Amino acid sequence: MVKNNQQNAVLQSLLSRMRTNDDFPALSTTISEINKTVSSDHSSLNSLTKIILQDFSLTKKLLKLVNTVSYGQFGGKITTISKAVFILGFDMVRDIATALILIEFLQNKSQAIQLTDEVITAFFVGLIARQLSADLNLRNHEEAMICGIFNHLGRLLSIFYFFDQSEKINKLIADGTPPNKASYEVLGISYNDLGAGVAKSWNFPTRLLQGMQSLPSDRVDHPANELELMNITVNLANELTALVAIERADNKKVTEQIKQLVKKYKPAIHLDEKQLNHTLEISMQEMAVRASILSISTKDSLFLKRVEAYTGFVIQYEVTSKLNDDIDNMSIDQLAGIDILNINEKLDTESILQAGIQDVINTLVGDCKVDDVIKKVLEVMYKGMGFNRTFMLVSDARTNVMRARSGFGEDIDAVMPLFRFPLKTAPDVFHLAIEKGVDIIIEDVTDKTISSKIPNWYTLISQAKSFLLLPVMVNQKVVGCLYADFDTVNSLEAASKSLGMLRTLRNQVVLAIKQS
């Protein structure tokens, strides 16, 4: 406990010193706002879009990045931030944006020449982690990438804000002292704990905080869950990067050390030397693409020269594409794209729903929480169908009401607290759905044949003209209900055509509840 108190005191002292720099509070505020928005149960497309649009440079770079081949599985052009959030999802946009913010912040500073190479190294670790996570079929490759980058956060911040002390740390490391021990001796806190402490102050979710941690020992055990596997993947990426970054005259030595690395991680990850070498080559190709988009100068990077010497791949900037030129010439209003339903390009509803169902399956296979599955299902419904709002209504036995707990969409913060009704039997469509367990599609709430079945509480809080109810039943009992709506009448024709996939998403919520 005493040690923890001392560590916290050191962390607070270092944070206080960093905050005296004019740029640090702005950096912290932007990253914190993005993390808070995405982690909130009331997060909306517009709220995340507005935060990103505050930084014009970030907006353009994010849009250019999501249109590279790395994100080709989503198809089509993504030329507005709202469409990026809509297609890629809140979490992925959060991960991409946060990484871009940190990299741009650090690379534009001139306190230390060494910092540029450290930024490139951290970025490369992230790219390795991203590729490894794809090879291992982890569900969120961008998540692994941000954990890889932020695994170096303590070191990066030390070089930026405490350069003299970082030089002393480097001397200790050169003499054989492990980096975390060396930083503890000089700063009073390890690089690992400093990075984690700052990330926590930036409202990073627990999952990312755990994913970016160094392994507690040199021994690698079989992971108990998907999060542990991601953390092991990030550490493998870090060690692989460190191996190829050391100056050597003989590549055979690197090859032998990579064999030892494969042996070390074998209890957790079944990848051989050939696959790791392929990962290095793919990551160098990806570095070429991203360095061009992010205006990262790689020409003088000692780190990349060493990786090039080992892999034989030489970094070259990409030729600017027509789409990138278009994005550069767009106004902030054009890049915003707030009205998602007016996007000119046609979204492939079936493809988005199918990809979403597969994503939820991957989540269910791993170590997941019910709330994570519900949030993902609602997001898939929201972006796949273009609904105005999606909610998960849950039965609250303590207050004997059905209330909205999670949701996406327009005015979500204002509507959700009001979206509740008594469980006591009433002659309306909501009670019909939850008492009989039947799926209901209302094409026009003002239709004379149905208006008498629409409760007053609903018409007072909602302007929706059509909506969908999919009860969630566990052991023949309704425990909740998926709700989705449109602001216009007769808009649910597409929903009826996709009802099979929407029901599959509902069934995945049921499975998650049963597993819990």
Protein backbone atom coordinates (compact mmCIF):
# COMPACT_ATOMS: atom_id res chain seq x y z
CA MET A 1 0.00 0.00 0.00
CA VAL A 2 2.86 2.39 0.90
CA LYS A 3 4.52 1.69 -2.45
CA ASN A 4 1.23 2.32 -4.28
CA ASN A 5 0.78 5.63 -2.46
CA GLN A 6 4.32 6.66 -3.35
CA GLN A 7 3.80 5.70 -7.00
CA ASN A 8 0.58 7.69 -7.14
CA ALA A 9 2.28 10.72 -5.60
CA VAL A 10 5.06 10.54 -8.21
CA LEU A 11 2.49 10.14 -11.00
CA GLN A 12 0.52 13.17 -9.83
CA SER A 13 3.72 15.22 -9.58
CA LEU A 14 4.76 14.29 -13.13
CA LEU A 15 1.25 14.98 -14.44
CA SER A 16 1.33 18.38 -12.78
CA ARG A 17 4.62 19.18 -14.51
CA MET A 18 3.25 18.07 -17.89
CA ARG A 19 0.13 20.19 -17.47
CA THR A 20 2.25 23.32 -17.28
CA ASN A 21 2.97 22.82 -20.99
CA ASP A 22 0.40 24.73 -23.04
CA ASP A 23 -0.28 21.79 -25.39
CA PHE A 24 -0.79 19.01 -22.87
CA PRO A 25 -4.19 20.14 -21.50
CA ALA A 26 -5.57 20.44 -25.05
CA LEU A 27 -4.25 16.98 -25.94
CA SER A 28 -5.71 15.51 -22.76
CA THR A 29 -9.09 17.18 -23.22
CA THR A 30 -9.57 15.91 -26.79
CA ILE A 31 -8.57 12.31 -26.02
CA SER A 32 -10.62 12.32 -22.79
CA GLU A 33 -13.73 13.61 -24.56
CA ILE A 34 -13.47 10.95 -27.27
CA ASN A 35 -13.06 8.16 -24.71
CA LYS A 36 -15.92 9.43 -22.54
CA THR A 37 -18.24 9.76 -25.51
CA VAL A 38 -17.56 6.25 -26.82
CA SER A 39 -17.80 4.57 -23.40
CA SER A 40 -21.08 6.30 -22.52
CA ASP A 41 -24.30 4.30 -22.84
CA HIS A 42 -25.80 7.48 -24.33
CA SER A 43 -23.14 8.01 -27.00
CA SER A 44 -24.43 9.25 -30.33
CA LEU A 45 -23.02 9.53 -33.84
CA ASN A 46 -23.29 13.31 -33.78
CA SER A 47 -21.47 13.74 -30.46
CA LEU A 48 -18.40 11.78 -31.56
CA THR A 49 -18.47 13.43 -34.99
CA LYS A 50 -18.46 16.92 -33.46
CA ILE A 51 -15.44 16.18 -31.25
CA ILE A 52 -13.37 14.92 -34.19
CA LEU A 53 -14.42 17.83 -36.42
CA GLN A 54 -12.92 20.27 -33.91
CA ASP A 55 -9.53 19.28 -35.36
CA PHE A 56 -9.57 19.86 -39.13
CA SER A 57 -6.19 18.18 -39.69
CA LEU A 58 -7.25 15.11 -37.70
CA THR A 59 -10.51 14.94 -39.66
CA LYS A 60 -8.78 14.85 -43.05
CA LYS A 61 -6.13 12.34 -41.97
CA LEU A 62 -8.70 10.02 -40.43
CA LEU A 63 -10.80 10.03 -43.60
CA LYS A 64 -7.77 9.39 -45.81
CA LEU A 65 -6.69 6.52 -43.57
CA VAL A 66 -10.05 4.74 -43.51
CA ASN A 67 -10.09 4.78 -47.31
CA THR A 68 -6.85 2.80 -47.61
CA VAL A 69 -6.73 -0.88 -48.54
CA SER A 70 -6.49 -1.71 -44.81
CA TYR A 71 -10.18 -0.95 -44.48
CA GLY A 72 -11.20 -2.25 -47.89
CA GLN A 73 -13.58 -4.82 -46.39
CA PHE A 74 -16.06 -2.01 -45.74
CA GLY A 75 -16.30 -1.10 -49.42
CA GLY A 76 -16.94 2.21 -51.11
CA LYS A 77 -15.67 5.70 -50.33
CA ILE A 78 -15.94 7.16 -46.85
CA THR A 79 -15.85 10.94 -47.27
CA THR A 80 -17.61 12.17 -44.12
CA ILE A 81 -16.83 11.64 -40.45
CA SER A 82 -20.42 10.65 -39.72
CA LYS A 83 -20.23 7.91 -42.34
CA ALA A 84 -16.89 6.73 -40.89
CA VAL A 85 -18.52 6.37 -37.47
CA PHE A 86 -21.60 4.82 -39.04
CA ILE A 87 -19.69 2.19 -41.02
CA LEU A 88 -16.68 1.46 -38.82
CA GLY A 89 -18.36 1.80 -35.45
CA PHE A 90 -17.67 3.98 -32.41
CA ASP A 91 -14.85 1.87 -30.97
CA MET A 92 -12.81 1.64 -34.17
CA VAL A 93 -13.08 5.35 -34.92
CA ARG A 94 -12.08 6.05 -31.31
CA ASP A 95 -9.00 3.85 -31.66
CA ILE A 96 -7.91 5.36 -34.98
CA ALA A 97 -8.52 8.95 -33.89
CA THR A 98 -6.75 8.59 -30.54
CA ALA A 99 -3.66 7.11 -32.16
CA LEU A 100 -3.61 9.88 -34.78
CA ILE A 101 -3.94 12.59 -32.14
CA LEU A 102 -0.98 11.30 -30.12
CA ILE A 103 1.25 10.75 -33.15
CA GLU A 104 0.55 14.17 -34.64
CA PHE A 105 1.06 15.85 -31.27
CA LEU A 106 4.45 14.24 -30.69
CA GLN A 107 5.90 14.35 -34.20
CA ASN A 108 5.31 18.09 -34.56
CA LYS A 109 7.52 18.91 -31.61
CA SER A 110 11.23 19.69 -31.72
CA GLN A 111 12.36 19.12 -28.12
CA ALA A 112 14.34 16.03 -29.08
CA ILE A 113 15.49 14.59 -32.38
CA GLN A 114 15.30 11.21 -30.70
CA LEU A 115 11.54 11.63 -30.21
CA THR A 116 10.81 11.29 -33.94
CA ASP A 117 12.33 7.82 -34.07
CA GLU A 118 10.60 6.82 -30.85
CA VAL A 119 7.24 7.84 -32.33
CA ILE A 120 7.96 5.79 -35.47
CA THR A 121 9.00 2.82 -33.32
CA ALA A 122 5.84 2.99 -31.22
CA PHE A 123 3.74 3.29 -34.38
CA PHE A 124 5.48 0.26 -35.86
CA VAL A 125 4.78 -1.78 -32.72
CA GLY A 126 1.13 -0.88 -33.19
CA LEU A 127 1.18 -1.99 -36.84
CA ILE A 128 2.81 -5.31 -35.87
CA ALA A 129 0.18 -5.84 -33.15
CA ARG A 130 -2.57 -5.03 -35.65
CA GLN A 131 -1.28 -7.57 -38.16
CA LEU A 132 -0.74 -10.27 -35.52
CA SER A 133 -4.28 -9.76 -34.22
CA ALA A 134 -5.58 -10.28 -37.76
CA ASP A 135 -3.52 -13.48 -38.10
CA LEU A 136 -4.94 -14.72 -34.79
CA ASN A 137 -8.54 -13.72 -35.68
CA LEU A 138 -8.89 -11.32 -32.77
CA ARG A 139 -12.09 -9.29 -33.05
CA ASN A 140 -10.68 -5.75 -33.04
CA HIS A 141 -7.42 -5.23 -34.90
CA GLU A 142 -7.39 -1.47 -34.33
CA GLU A 143 -7.74 -2.08 -30.60
CA ALA A 144 -4.56 -4.16 -30.64
CA MET A 145 -2.84 -1.42 -32.60
CA ILE A 146 -3.66 1.34 -30.13
CA CYS A 147 -2.52 -0.89 -27.24
CA GLY A 148 0.77 -1.44 -29.09
CA ILE A 149 1.32 2.27 -29.62
CA PHE A 150 0.31 3.25 -26.10
CA ASN A 151 2.50 0.53 -24.61
CA HIS A 152 5.25 3.10 -25.33
CA LEU A 153 3.34 6.08 -23.91
CA GLY A 154 5.43 6.41 -20.73
CA ARG A 155 8.68 6.42 -22.70
CA LEU A 156 7.36 8.90 -25.27
CA LEU A 157 6.10 11.33 -22.63
CA SER A 158 9.38 11.09 -20.72
CA ILE A 159 11.42 12.03 -23.79
CA PHE A 160 9.03 14.87 -24.58
CA TYR A 161 8.60 16.38 -21.12
CA PHE A 162 11.60 15.10 -19.11
CA PHE A 163 14.34 14.87 -21.70
CA ASP A 164 17.33 15.13 -19.34
CA GLN A 165 15.97 12.35 -17.14
CA SER A 166 15.19 10.21 -20.20
CA GLU A 167 18.84 10.49 -21.26
CA LYS A 168 19.91 9.15 -17.86
CA ILE A 169 17.41 6.32 -18.26
CA ASN A 170 18.85 5.49 -21.68
CA LYS A 171 22.36 5.24 -20.21
CA LEU A 172 21.14 2.77 -17.61
CA ILE A 173 19.37 0.75 -20.32
CA ALA A 174 22.56 0.75 -22.43
CA ASP A 175 24.38 -0.70 -19.41
CA GLY A 176 21.88 -3.56 -19.22
CA THR A 177 19.19 -2.27 -16.83
CA PRO A 178 15.64 -3.23 -17.95
CA PRO A 179 13.72 -0.14 -19.18
CA ASN A 180 11.01 -0.19 -16.48
CA LYS A 181 13.59 -0.59 -13.72
CA ALA A 182 15.77 2.15 -15.19
CA SER A 183 12.88 4.61 -15.42
CA TYR A 184 11.86 3.78 -11.85
CA GLU A 185 15.38 4.56 -10.61
CA VAL A 186 15.42 7.96 -12.33
CA LEU A 187 11.77 9.12 -12.29
CA GLY A 188 10.49 7.17 -9.31
CA ILE A 189 7.98 5.39 -11.54
CA SER A 190 8.30 2.83 -14.33
CA TYR A 191 7.58 3.69 -17.95
CA ASN A 192 4.76 1.18 -17.80
CA ASP A 193 3.08 2.75 -14.76
CA LEU A 194 3.56 6.28 -16.08
CA GLY A 195 1.91 5.42 -19.39
CA ALA A 196 -0.94 3.57 -17.70
CA GLY A 197 -1.48 6.43 -15.25
CA VAL A 198 -1.69 9.06 -17.99
CA ALA A 199 -3.95 6.84 -20.14
CA LYS A 200 -6.25 6.35 -17.15
CA SER A 201 -6.43 10.13 -16.66
CA TRP A 202 -7.47 10.30 -20.34
CA ASN A 203 -10.48 8.05 -19.60
CA PHE A 204 -9.12 5.07 -21.50
CA PRO A 205 -11.45 2.08 -21.02
CA THR A 206 -10.25 -0.69 -18.70
CA ARG A 207 -9.91 -3.07 -21.63
CA LEU A 208 -7.36 -0.85 -23.38
CA LEU A 209 -5.50 -0.15 -20.12
CA GLN A 210 -5.08 -3.89 -19.60
CA GLY A 211 -4.19 -4.50 -23.23
CA MET A 212 -1.29 -2.03 -23.21
CA GLN A 213 0.37 -3.45 -20.07
CA SER A 214 3.71 -5.27 -20.17
CA LEU A 215 3.64 -8.93 -19.17
CA PRO A 216 4.35 -9.44 -15.45
CA SER A 217 7.18 -11.92 -16.14
CA ASP A 218 9.27 -13.49 -18.91
CA ARG A 219 7.06 -16.56 -18.79
CA VAL A 220 4.15 -16.60 -21.26
CA ASP A 221 1.19 -18.78 -20.27
CA HIS A 222 -1.85 -19.87 -22.22
CA PRO A 223 -4.35 -16.96 -22.18
CA ALA A 224 -7.50 -17.42 -20.11
CA ASN A 225 -9.55 -15.19 -22.41
CA GLU A 226 -9.49 -13.01 -25.51
CA LEU A 227 -8.28 -9.92 -23.62
CA GLU A 228 -5.24 -11.80 -22.28
CA LEU A 229 -4.50 -13.02 -25.81
CA MET A 230 -4.58 -9.44 -27.09
CA ASN A 231 -2.21 -8.35 -24.32
CA ILE A 232 0.18 -11.20 -25.17
CA THR A 233 -0.03 -10.22 -28.85
CA VAL A 234 0.90 -6.61 -28.00
CA ASN A 235 3.90 -7.79 -25.98
CA LEU A 236 5.04 -10.10 -28.79
CA ALA A 237 4.81 -7.14 -31.18
CA ASN A 238 6.92 -5.08 -28.80
CA GLU A 239 9.61 -7.75 -28.47
CA LEU A 240 9.69 -8.49 -32.20
CA THR A 241 10.13 -4.79 -32.95
CA ALA A 242 12.93 -4.51 -30.39
CA LEU A 243 14.79 -7.43 -31.98
CA VAL A 244 14.86 -5.99 -35.49
CA ALA A 245 15.69 -2.49 -34.19
CA ILE A 246 19.10 -3.47 -32.81
CA GLU A 247 22.06 -2.67 -35.06
CA ARG A 248 23.71 -5.86 -36.32
CA ALA A 249 26.03 -6.87 -39.13
CA ASP A 250 24.58 -10.36 -39.40
CA ASN A 251 20.88 -11.03 -40.04
CA LYS A 252 21.37 -14.69 -39.08
CA LYS A 253 21.55 -13.57 -35.47
CA VAL A 254 18.13 -11.89 -35.80
CA THR A 255 16.69 -15.04 -37.35
CA GLU A 256 17.95 -17.11 -34.43
CA GLN A 257 16.52 -14.65 -31.89
CA ILE A 258 13.13 -14.71 -33.65
CA LYS A 259 13.18 -18.51 -33.31
CA GLN A 260 13.70 -18.07 -29.58
CA LEU A 261 10.82 -15.58 -29.51
CA VAL A 262 8.53 -18.12 -31.21
CA LYS A 263 9.53 -20.69 -28.59
CA LYS A 264 8.84 -18.26 -25.74
CA TYR A 265 5.34 -17.39 -26.97
CA LYS A 266 4.43 -20.90 -28.14
CA PRO A 267 2.19 -21.67 -25.08
CA ALA A 268 -0.08 -18.79 -26.13
CA ILE A 269 0.43 -18.10 -29.84
CA HIS A 270 0.98 -20.63 -32.60
CA LEU A 271 2.98 -18.63 -35.13
CA ASP A 272 6.28 -19.68 -36.67
CA GLU A 273 9.32 -17.65 -37.81
CA LYS A 274 8.05 -17.48 -41.38
CA GLN A 275 4.76 -15.92 -40.23
CA LEU A 276 6.53 -13.38 -38.02
CA ASN A 277 8.82 -12.37 -40.89
CA HIS A 278 5.77 -12.00 -43.12
CA THR A 279 4.18 -9.82 -40.43
CA LEU A 280 7.26 -7.56 -40.48
CA GLU A 281 7.02 -7.16 -44.26
CA ILE A 282 3.27 -6.42 -44.20
CA SER A 283 3.80 -3.88 -41.42
CA MET A 284 6.52 -2.13 -43.42
CA GLN A 285 4.10 -1.86 -46.36
CA GLU A 286 1.45 -0.47 -44.04
CA MET A 287 3.97 1.99 -42.60
CA ALA A 288 4.60 3.28 -46.13
CA VAL A 289 0.88 3.96 -46.60
CA ARG A 290 0.26 5.53 -43.21
CA ALA A 291 3.47 7.56 -43.13
CA SER A 292 2.41 9.23 -46.37
CA ILE A 293 -1.07 10.05 -45.05
CA LEU A 294 0.18 11.24 -41.66
CA SER A 295 3.12 13.21 -43.11
CA ILE A 296 5.58 11.25 -40.99
CA SER A 297 9.12 11.79 -42.23
CA THR A 298 10.71 8.33 -42.38
CA LYS A 299 13.73 9.26 -44.49
CA ASP A 300 16.11 9.80 -41.55
CA SER A 301 14.71 7.13 -39.23
CA LEU A 302 17.53 4.97 -37.89
CA PHE A 303 14.95 2.47 -36.65
CA LEU A 304 13.37 1.99 -40.08
CA LYS A 305 16.78 1.71 -41.75
CA ARG A 306 17.51 -1.25 -39.49
CA VAL A 307 14.15 -2.86 -40.23
CA GLU A 308 14.73 -2.26 -43.94
CA ALA A 309 18.14 -3.93 -43.68
CA TYR A 310 16.50 -7.02 -42.20
CA THR A 311 13.32 -7.24 -44.30
CA GLY A 312 14.65 -5.81 -47.56
CA PHE A 313 11.57 -3.57 -47.83
CA VAL A 314 12.35 0.12 -48.42
CA ILE A 315 9.76 2.71 -47.30
CA GLN A 316 8.48 4.92 -50.11
CA TYR A 317 5.73 7.52 -49.98
CA GLU A 318 2.56 6.65 -51.88
CA VAL A 319 1.41 8.78 -54.80
CA THR A 320 -1.44 11.00 -53.65
CA SER A 321 -4.79 9.59 -54.77
CA LYS A 322 -7.70 11.47 -56.34
CA LEU A 323 -9.81 10.74 -53.23
CA ASN A 324 -7.14 12.26 -50.97
CA ASP A 325 -7.12 15.39 -53.13
CA ASP A 326 -10.91 15.56 -52.89
CA ILE A 327 -10.78 15.29 -49.09
CA ASP A 328 -8.14 18.03 -48.91
CA ASN A 329 -10.42 20.34 -50.91
CA MET A 330 -13.60 19.69 -48.91
CA SER A 331 -14.98 22.17 -46.39
CA ILE A 332 -15.55 21.31 -42.74
CA ASP A 333 -19.31 21.11 -43.39
CA GLN A 334 -18.77 18.63 -46.22
CA LEU A 335 -16.50 16.51 -44.03
CA ALA A 336 -19.06 16.48 -41.23
CA GLY A 337 -21.89 14.69 -43.01
CA ILE A 338 -24.17 15.02 -39.98
CA ASP A 339 -27.35 13.84 -41.72
CA ILE A 340 -26.36 10.20 -42.16
CA LEU A 341 -29.58 9.28 -43.97
CA ASN A 342 -28.75 11.71 -46.79
CA ILE A 343 -25.45 10.11 -47.74
CA ASN A 344 -25.45 9.82 -51.53
CA GLU A 345 -23.60 6.53 -51.72
CA LYS A 346 -25.86 3.52 -51.24
CA LEU A 347 -25.00 1.44 -48.19
CA ASP A 348 -25.20 -2.32 -48.59
CA THR A 349 -27.54 -3.16 -45.72
CA GLU A 350 -27.18 -6.91 -46.05
CA SER A 351 -23.37 -6.79 -46.06
CA ILE A 352 -23.24 -4.53 -43.01
CA LEU A 353 -25.69 -6.72 -41.08
CA GLN A 354 -23.84 -9.91 -42.02
CA ALA A 355 -20.49 -8.42 -41.01
CA GLY A 356 -22.08 -7.21 -37.77
CA ILE A 357 -23.51 -10.65 -36.98
CA GLN A 358 -20.07 -12.19 -37.52
CA ASP A 359 -18.52 -9.53 -35.29
CA VAL A 360 -20.99 -10.34 -32.51
CA ILE A 361 -20.25 -14.06 -32.94
CA ASN A 362 -16.55 -13.32 -32.43
CA THR A 363 -17.44 -11.34 -29.32
CA LEU A 364 -19.55 -14.18 -27.93
CA VAL A 365 -16.74 -16.68 -28.46
CA GLY A 366 -14.38 -14.53 -26.41
CA ASP A 367 -14.60 -13.30 -22.84
CA CYS A 368 -17.48 -10.84 -23.19
CA LYS A 369 -19.95 -8.97 -21.01
CA VAL A 370 -23.66 -8.86 -21.77
CA ASP A 371 -23.58 -5.06 -22.02
CA ASP A 372 -20.82 -5.27 -24.64
CA VAL A 373 -22.91 -7.62 -26.79
CA ILE A 374 -26.04 -5.49 -26.42
CA LYS A 375 -24.17 -2.33 -27.36
CA LYS A 376 -22.62 -4.04 -30.39
CA VAL A 377 -26.00 -5.43 -31.54
CA LEU A 378 -27.65 -2.02 -31.24
CA GLU A 379 -24.79 -0.42 -33.15
CA VAL A 380 -25.06 -3.02 -35.95
CA MET A 381 -28.81 -2.40 -36.21
CA TYR A 382 -28.28 1.35 -36.17
CA LYS A 383 -25.62 1.53 -38.84
CA GLY A 384 -26.86 -1.44 -40.90
CA MET A 385 -30.48 -0.30 -41.26
CA GLY A 386 -30.02 3.45 -40.92
CA PHE A 387 -32.51 3.65 -38.03
CA ASN A 388 -33.06 7.00 -36.36
CA ARG A 389 -32.67 5.39 -32.93
CA THR A 390 -32.05 1.95 -31.46
CA PHE A 391 -32.66 1.03 -27.80
CA MET A 392 -32.43 -1.96 -25.55
CA LEU A 393 -35.42 -1.94 -23.18
CA VAL A 394 -34.92 -3.97 -20.01
CA SER A 395 -37.32 -5.19 -17.36
CA ASP A 396 -36.63 -3.64 -13.95
CA ALA A 397 -38.30 -5.88 -11.35
CA ARG A 398 -37.44 -3.49 -8.51
CA THR A 399 -39.46 -0.60 -9.92
CA ASN A 400 -41.78 -2.78 -12.04
CA VAL A 401 -41.06 -0.82 -15.22
CA MET A 402 -39.57 -1.44 -18.64
CA ARG A 403 -36.90 1.17 -19.36
CA ALA A 404 -34.25 2.03 -21.93
CA ARG A 405 -30.75 1.14 -20.81
CA SER A 406 -28.54 1.34 -23.91
CA GLY A 407 -29.04 3.12 -27.21
CA PHE A 408 -27.75 4.93 -30.27
CA GLY A 409 -29.18 7.75 -32.33
CA GLU A 410 -30.66 11.23 -32.43
CA ASP A 411 -31.18 13.11 -29.13
CA ILE A 412 -30.33 9.92 -27.30
CA ASP A 413 -29.35 11.68 -24.06
CA ALA A 414 -32.70 13.49 -23.86
CA VAL A 415 -34.96 10.62 -24.93
CA MET A 416 -33.49 7.65 -23.04
CA PRO A 417 -34.36 8.74 -19.48
CA LEU A 418 -38.00 9.30 -20.59
CA PHE A 419 -38.32 6.00 -22.46
CA ARG A 420 -39.97 3.87 -19.75
CA PHE A 421 -43.38 2.42 -19.04
CA PRO A 422 -45.05 0.30 -16.28
CA LEU A 423 -45.02 -3.48 -16.70
CA LYS A 424 -48.64 -3.58 -15.60
CA THR A 425 -50.84 -4.88 -18.41
CA ALA A 426 -52.17 -2.27 -20.85
CA PRO A 427 -53.88 -2.51 -24.29
CA ASP A 428 -50.98 -1.25 -26.41
CA VAL A 429 -48.37 -2.63 -28.81
CA PHE A 430 -45.54 -2.49 -26.27
CA HIS A 431 -47.34 -4.72 -23.79
CA LEU A 432 -48.45 -7.02 -26.59
CA ALA A 433 -44.81 -7.51 -27.54
CA ILE A 434 -43.51 -8.15 -24.02
CA GLU A 435 -46.45 -10.23 -22.78
CA LYS A 436 -46.86 -12.42 -25.86
CA GLY A 437 -43.22 -12.36 -26.99
CA VAL A 438 -44.21 -11.39 -30.54
CA ASP A 439 -42.17 -9.30 -32.99
CA ILE A 440 -44.00 -6.14 -34.03
CA ILE A 441 -43.49 -3.77 -36.96
CA ILE A 442 -45.46 -0.51 -36.95
CA GLU A 443 -45.29 1.19 -40.36
CA ASP A 444 -47.34 4.28 -39.45
CA VAL A 445 -48.18 5.25 -35.86
CA THR A 446 -50.83 7.69 -37.13
CA ASP A 447 -52.78 5.06 -39.07
CA LYS A 448 -56.34 4.92 -37.72
CA THR A 449 -56.23 1.13 -37.42
CA ILE A 450 -53.22 1.26 -35.08
CA SER A 451 -53.14 4.73 -33.44
CA SER A 452 -55.36 3.60 -30.56
CA LYS A 453 -52.73 0.97 -29.68
CA ILE A 454 -49.92 3.54 -29.43
CA PRO A 455 -49.62 4.65 -25.75
CA ASN A 456 -49.73 8.32 -24.79
CA TRP A 457 -46.35 8.24 -23.03
CA TYR A 458 -44.77 7.25 -26.36
CA THR A 459 -46.35 10.01 -28.46
CA LEU A 460 -45.28 12.58 -25.86
CA ILE A 461 -41.58 11.72 -26.06
CA SER A 462 -41.11 10.43 -29.61
CA GLN A 463 -41.66 11.94 -33.05
CA ALA A 464 -40.98 8.59 -34.73
CA LYS A 465 -43.54 7.61 -37.36
CA SER A 466 -42.59 3.92 -37.62
CA PHE A 467 -40.88 1.51 -35.25
CA LEU A 468 -39.87 -2.10 -34.61
CA LEU A 469 -40.07 -4.24 -31.43
CA LEU A 470 -38.11 -7.49 -31.01
CA PRO A 471 -38.70 -9.07 -27.56
CA VAL A 472 -35.74 -10.75 -25.86
CA MET A 473 -36.90 -13.97 -24.21
CA VAL A 474 -34.91 -16.17 -21.83
CA ASN A 475 -36.50 -19.40 -20.58
CA GLN A 476 -39.86 -18.40 -22.08
CA LYS A 477 -39.82 -15.10 -20.19
CA VAL A 478 -39.36 -11.65 -21.74
CA VAL A 479 -36.43 -9.92 -20.03
CA GLY A 480 -36.06 -7.06 -22.50
CA CYS A 481 -36.87 -5.79 -25.97
CA LEU A 482 -34.90 -4.38 -28.89
CA TYR A 483 -36.48 -1.18 -30.21
CA ALA A 484 -35.68 0.75 -33.41
CA ASP A 485 -37.46 3.58 -35.20
CA PHE A 486 -37.60 5.92 -38.22
CA ASP A 487 -38.88 9.50 -38.39
CA THR A 488 -40.90 8.77 -41.53
CA VAL A 489 -43.83 6.47 -42.24
CA ASN A 490 -43.52 3.23 -44.21
CA SER A 491 -39.75 3.19 -43.74
CA LEU A 492 -39.63 -0.33 -42.36
CA GLU A 493 -40.01 -2.15 -45.66
CA ALA A 494 -36.25 -2.75 -45.71
CA ALA A 495 -36.41 -3.86 -42.08
CA SER A 496 -39.06 -6.46 -42.92
CA LYS A 497 -36.83 -7.77 -45.73
CA SER A 498 -33.89 -7.98 -43.28
CA LEU A 499 -36.00 -9.25 -40.38
CA GLY A 500 -34.24 -12.62 -40.42
CA MET A 501 -30.87 -11.01 -39.72
CA LEU A 502 -32.37 -8.63 -37.13
CA ARG A 503 -33.83 -11.65 -35.37
CA THR A 504 -30.42 -13.29 -35.46
CA LEU A 505 -28.99 -10.24 -33.70
CA ARG A 506 -31.79 -10.47 -31.12
CA ASN A 507 -30.96 -14.16 -30.60
CA GLN A 508 -27.33 -13.24 -30.02
CA VAL A 509 -28.43 -11.01 -27.14
CA VAL A 510 -30.39 -13.95 -25.73
CA LEU A 511 -27.29 -16.15 -26.00
CA ALA A 512 -25.14 -13.55 -24.26
CA ILE A 513 -27.62 -13.33 -21.37
CA LYS A 514 -27.73 -17.12 -21.05
CA GLN A 515 -23.92 -17.34 -21.09
CA SER A 516 -23.72 -14.79 -18.30
